[in-house]
Amino acid sequence: MAQIEAVTATSNSFVPVIDIAPYLAGTPEGKRRVAAELDRACREVGFYIIVGHGVDPRLIEQIETVSREFFDLPLDEKMKVHIGNTPGAVGYAAVGDIALAYTRGQVAPPDLNESFQIAKVDVTDDRYFQSEAARGLIPSNRWPERPAALKAVYTKYYLRMAALAADLMRLSALALGLPETYFDDKIDRHISRLNVRLYPEQKIAPLPGQLRAAAHTITGPSPYLSQATVLAVFRSPTLMETGTMFR
């Protein structure tokens, strides 16, 4: 895939590409400039693409590799960790299991993708996480036997996305004219999810109104999307109602 050229939110791109490296470098001018770009992107578009985020490209490659290995497994093996087997909606969803249109109160044919979803991987003994109310939102993750590396890679990726989410929340605070750490104590017990989707080759025509993933409402404040055929979607209740794609 061709590299995305870093441009600012003042460009004519419909979805602006923002280089956040100057913010991460920590200079006051760099922080101010990137915060201004993010502010404009959120006000005028509502989505933005980030580059210069510092996520190790090897980690992105690893999650794509293990994800494809998992999705290539026989269906009966993947169904051992099917989301319907236990409460909490973690695990594997086959093509046709989910119809995202319901989040908008609409009726549509089921979506044409497979997915694997995990919940929070760093649950502590904090009573907040151990309460009865929290258990439905933070279920125990279910891991497949193969590929063997999937659990370790997903866990590492989840934690890296959580760190990136925290950086973007601090950047968002600056964009709002707030102290940089304003949101820190409001996101320190997040319940984010990581959802990896595969859009397989379509061998038959879709039904009327059937999509790969229907238009839907995000119940948490924001997703992060890794721009790849396999989408690693980090649904993070740690951002304002915007969308962030990174490459």
Protein backbone atom coordinates (compact mmCIF):
# COMPACT_ATOMS: atom_id res chain seq x y z
CA MET A 1 0.00 0.00 0.00
CA ALA A 2 1.34 3.41 -0.87
CA GLN A 3 2.48 5.59 2.01
CA ILE A 4 0.12 8.40 2.97
CA GLU A 5 1.72 11.77 2.51
CA ALA A 6 1.58 13.80 5.72
CA VAL A 7 -0.39 16.99 5.24
CA THR A 8 -1.95 19.39 7.67
CA ALA A 9 -5.57 19.91 8.53
CA THR A 10 -5.47 23.07 6.40
CA SER A 11 -5.07 21.05 3.19
CA ASN A 12 -7.87 20.41 0.71
CA SER A 13 -8.03 16.70 1.64
CA PHE A 14 -11.52 15.63 2.64
CA VAL A 15 -10.09 13.69 5.56
CA PRO A 16 -7.03 15.58 6.82
CA VAL A 17 -3.76 13.78 7.54
CA ILE A 18 -2.10 15.04 10.70
CA ASP A 19 1.52 14.37 11.62
CA ILE A 20 1.51 14.11 15.42
CA ALA A 21 5.29 13.63 15.71
CA PRO A 22 5.80 17.30 16.68
CA TYR A 23 3.36 16.81 19.57
CA LEU A 24 5.10 13.64 20.72
CA ALA A 25 8.46 15.44 20.55
CA GLY A 26 7.18 17.58 23.40
CA THR A 27 8.07 21.08 22.25
CA PRO A 28 5.53 23.80 23.14
CA GLU A 29 5.35 25.02 19.54
CA GLY A 30 4.94 21.48 18.18
CA LYS A 31 2.15 20.75 20.64
CA ARG A 32 0.38 24.02 19.83
CA ARG A 33 0.56 23.48 16.08
CA VAL A 34 -0.68 19.88 16.12
CA ALA A 35 -3.46 20.75 18.57
CA ALA A 36 -4.65 23.49 16.21
CA GLU A 37 -4.69 21.04 13.28
CA LEU A 38 -6.65 18.49 15.28
CA ASP A 39 -9.10 21.15 16.46
CA ARG A 40 -9.85 22.19 12.90
CA ALA A 41 -10.17 18.59 11.69
CA CYS A 42 -12.66 17.74 14.44
CA ARG A 43 -14.73 20.86 13.86
CA GLU A 44 -14.81 20.74 10.07
CA VAL A 45 -14.67 17.02 9.21
CA GLY A 46 -14.99 14.82 12.30
CA PHE A 47 -12.36 12.33 11.13
CA TYR A 48 -8.63 12.56 10.66
CA ILE A 49 -5.72 10.34 9.69
CA ILE A 50 -2.60 10.42 11.82
CA VAL A 51 0.98 9.70 10.87
CA GLY A 52 4.12 10.11 12.94
CA HIS A 53 2.41 8.22 15.78
CA GLY A 54 5.41 6.09 16.69
CA VAL A 55 3.62 2.73 16.52
CA ASP A 56 6.19 0.13 15.50
CA PRO A 57 5.45 -0.97 11.90
CA ARG A 58 6.56 -4.47 12.85
CA LEU A 59 3.76 -4.67 15.42
CA ILE A 60 1.21 -3.64 12.78
CA GLU A 61 2.60 -6.33 10.48
CA GLN A 62 2.47 -8.90 13.27
CA ILE A 63 -1.17 -8.28 14.07
CA GLU A 64 -2.08 -8.52 10.40
CA THR A 65 -0.08 -11.76 10.03
CA VAL A 66 -1.58 -13.56 13.05
CA SER A 67 -5.05 -12.29 12.18
CA ARG A 68 -4.86 -13.68 8.66
CA GLU A 69 -3.55 -16.97 10.05
CA PHE A 70 -6.55 -17.14 12.37
CA PHE A 71 -9.12 -16.26 9.71
CA ASP A 72 -7.57 -18.87 7.38
CA LEU A 73 -8.36 -21.65 9.87
CA PRO A 74 -11.25 -24.06 9.19
CA LEU A 75 -14.59 -22.63 10.25
CA ASP A 76 -15.23 -25.32 12.84
CA GLU A 77 -11.98 -24.45 14.60
CA LYS A 78 -12.78 -20.74 14.66
CA MET A 79 -16.27 -21.50 15.99
CA LYS A 80 -14.72 -22.93 19.17
CA VAL A 81 -14.26 -19.31 20.29
CA HIS A 82 -17.50 -18.00 18.81
CA ILE A 83 -18.94 -14.87 20.41
CA GLY A 84 -22.22 -16.66 21.05
CA ASN A 85 -20.67 -19.32 23.27
CA THR A 86 -20.31 -17.08 26.35
CA PRO A 87 -21.65 -13.67 27.44
CA GLY A 88 -19.66 -10.54 26.72
CA ALA A 89 -19.32 -10.57 22.91
CA VAL A 90 -15.65 -11.54 22.84
CA GLY A 91 -14.22 -13.99 20.35
CA TYR A 92 -15.01 -14.86 16.75
CA ALA A 93 -17.96 -13.70 14.63
CA ALA A 94 -18.56 -15.41 11.29
CA VAL A 95 -19.82 -13.80 8.09
CA GLY A 96 -23.49 -13.00 8.60
CA ASP A 97 -23.43 -13.08 12.41
CA ILE A 98 -23.64 -9.33 12.87
CA ALA A 99 -25.79 -6.62 11.31
CA LEU A 100 -24.40 -3.27 12.41
CA ALA A 101 -27.39 -1.40 11.00
CA TYR A 102 -29.28 -2.25 14.18
CA THR A 103 -27.21 0.37 16.02
CA ARG A 104 -29.09 2.96 13.96
CA GLY A 105 -32.45 1.35 14.51
CA GLN A 106 -32.46 -0.02 10.97
CA VAL A 107 -33.19 -3.49 9.59
CA ALA A 108 -30.72 -4.76 6.99
CA PRO A 109 -29.16 -8.03 5.85
CA PRO A 110 -26.18 -9.16 7.98
CA ASP A 111 -22.73 -7.75 7.29
CA LEU A 112 -20.25 -9.49 5.02
CA ASN A 113 -17.20 -9.73 7.26
CA GLU A 114 -15.57 -11.94 9.85
CA SER A 115 -14.21 -10.52 13.07
CA PHE A 116 -12.35 -11.35 16.25
CA GLN A 117 -12.87 -9.13 19.28
CA ILE A 118 -11.14 -8.86 22.63
CA ALA A 119 -11.98 -6.85 25.72
CA LYS A 120 -9.66 -5.14 28.19
CA VAL A 121 -6.43 -7.10 28.69
CA ASP A 122 -5.05 -5.24 31.72
CA VAL A 123 -7.84 -5.61 34.25
CA THR A 124 -6.65 -4.94 37.81
CA ASP A 125 -8.05 -5.76 41.26
CA ASP A 126 -9.61 -2.30 41.38
CA ARG A 127 -13.16 -2.67 42.73
CA TYR A 128 -14.33 -0.65 39.75
CA PHE A 129 -13.43 -3.55 37.45
CA GLN A 130 -14.57 -6.30 39.83
CA SER A 131 -18.08 -4.98 40.42
CA GLU A 132 -21.10 -6.89 39.14
CA ALA A 133 -21.98 -4.03 36.80
CA ALA A 134 -18.55 -4.12 35.19
CA ARG A 135 -18.44 -7.82 34.42
CA GLY A 136 -20.67 -7.58 31.37
CA LEU A 137 -18.48 -4.83 29.94
CA ILE A 138 -15.17 -6.46 30.80
CA PRO A 139 -15.61 -10.18 30.11
CA SER A 140 -12.77 -12.67 30.21
CA ASN A 141 -11.17 -12.92 26.80
CA ARG A 142 -11.34 -16.16 24.86
CA TRP A 143 -8.23 -17.08 22.91
CA PRO A 144 -7.93 -19.64 20.09
CA GLU A 145 -5.38 -22.42 20.29
CA ARG A 146 -3.99 -21.32 16.94
CA PRO A 147 -2.10 -19.31 15.96
CA ALA A 148 -0.03 -19.64 19.11
CA ALA A 149 1.26 -16.07 18.89
CA LEU A 150 -2.16 -14.42 18.61
CA LYS A 151 -2.73 -13.77 22.32
CA ALA A 152 0.67 -12.16 22.86
CA VAL A 153 0.45 -10.02 19.72
CA TYR A 154 -3.11 -8.86 20.38
CA THR A 155 -2.27 -8.04 23.99
CA LYS A 156 0.77 -5.99 22.98
CA TYR A 157 -1.20 -4.21 20.28
CA TYR A 158 -4.09 -3.45 22.63
CA LEU A 159 -1.77 -1.89 25.18
CA ARG A 160 -0.01 0.14 22.48
CA MET A 161 -3.33 1.45 21.20
CA ALA A 162 -4.35 2.38 24.75
CA ALA A 163 -1.16 4.41 25.07
CA LEU A 164 -1.84 6.09 21.72
CA ALA A 165 -5.40 6.84 22.85
CA ALA A 166 -4.02 8.56 25.95
CA ASP A 167 -1.69 10.66 23.80
CA LEU A 168 -4.57 11.69 21.56
CA MET A 169 -6.73 12.56 24.55
CA ARG A 170 -4.00 14.87 25.84
CA LEU A 171 -3.74 16.37 22.39
CA SER A 172 -7.53 16.76 22.31
CA ALA A 173 -7.41 18.55 25.66
CA LEU A 174 -4.97 21.08 24.22
CA ALA A 175 -7.21 21.49 21.17
CA LEU A 176 -10.07 22.38 23.51
CA GLY A 177 -7.95 24.91 25.37
CA LEU A 178 -7.77 22.70 28.47
CA PRO A 179 -4.74 21.61 30.52
CA GLU A 180 -2.94 18.82 28.67
CA THR A 181 -3.60 16.23 31.40
CA TYR A 182 -7.25 17.22 31.89
CA PHE A 183 -8.62 13.85 30.74
CA ASP A 184 -5.98 11.65 32.41
CA ASP A 185 -8.05 10.79 35.50
CA LYS A 186 -11.14 10.32 33.36
CA ILE A 187 -9.73 7.61 31.10
CA ASP A 188 -7.48 5.70 33.49
CA ARG A 189 -10.06 2.92 33.85
CA HIS A 190 -11.19 2.65 30.24
CA ILE A 191 -12.97 -0.43 28.91
CA SER A 192 -11.81 -0.28 25.29
CA ARG A 193 -12.16 -3.17 22.87
CA LEU A 194 -10.03 -4.36 19.99
CA ASN A 195 -11.94 -5.69 16.99
CA VAL A 196 -10.10 -7.14 14.00
CA ARG A 197 -12.15 -7.62 10.85
CA LEU A 198 -11.57 -9.53 7.66
CA TYR A 199 -13.49 -8.67 4.50
CA PRO A 200 -13.27 -11.90 2.50
CA GLU A 201 -13.65 -12.20 -1.24
CA GLN A 202 -17.30 -12.09 -2.25
CA LYS A 203 -18.14 -15.05 -4.44
CA ILE A 204 -21.86 -14.31 -4.74
CA ALA A 205 -23.74 -11.06 -5.18
CA PRO A 206 -24.85 -9.39 -1.94
CA LEU A 207 -28.49 -9.07 -1.03
CA PRO A 208 -30.20 -5.71 -1.58
CA GLY A 209 -28.90 -3.33 1.07
CA GLN A 210 -26.21 -5.75 2.24
CA LEU A 211 -22.79 -4.22 2.93
CA ARG A 212 -19.37 -5.32 4.15
CA ALA A 213 -20.09 -3.33 7.31
CA ALA A 214 -23.26 -1.29 7.41
CA ALA A 215 -23.34 2.34 8.52
CA HIS A 216 -23.50 2.23 12.29
CA THR A 217 -23.39 4.22 15.50
CA ILE A 218 -20.28 3.96 17.66
CA THR A 219 -21.36 3.57 21.28
CA GLY A 220 -17.96 4.62 22.60
CA PRO A 221 -16.51 8.02 21.73
CA SER A 222 -14.12 6.95 18.99
CA PRO A 223 -12.57 4.14 16.98
CA TYR A 224 -9.00 3.96 15.71
CA LEU A 225 -8.63 2.16 12.42
CA SER A 226 -5.45 0.67 11.08
CA GLN A 227 -5.57 1.28 7.35
CA ALA A 228 -5.22 -2.25 6.00
CA THR A 229 -7.34 -4.97 4.42
CA VAL A 230 -7.63 -6.51 7.86
CA LEU A 231 -8.85 -3.65 10.04
CA ALA A 232 -7.65 -3.53 13.60
CA VAL A 233 -10.35 -1.45 15.23
CA PHE A 234 -9.60 -0.13 18.70
CA ARG A 235 -12.92 1.06 20.10
CA SER A 236 -11.83 3.46 22.77
CA PRO A 237 -14.06 5.35 25.20
CA THR A 238 -11.21 7.82 25.55
CA LEU A 239 -11.78 10.38 22.83
CA MET A 240 -14.31 12.94 21.77
CA GLU A 241 -16.80 11.92 19.10
CA THR A 242 -14.33 11.83 16.26
CA GLY A 243 -12.73 9.16 14.17
CA THR A 244 -9.03 8.52 13.90
CA MET A 245 -7.27 6.45 11.27
CA PHE A 246 -3.58 5.80 11.46
CA ARG A 247 -1.03 4.43 9.06
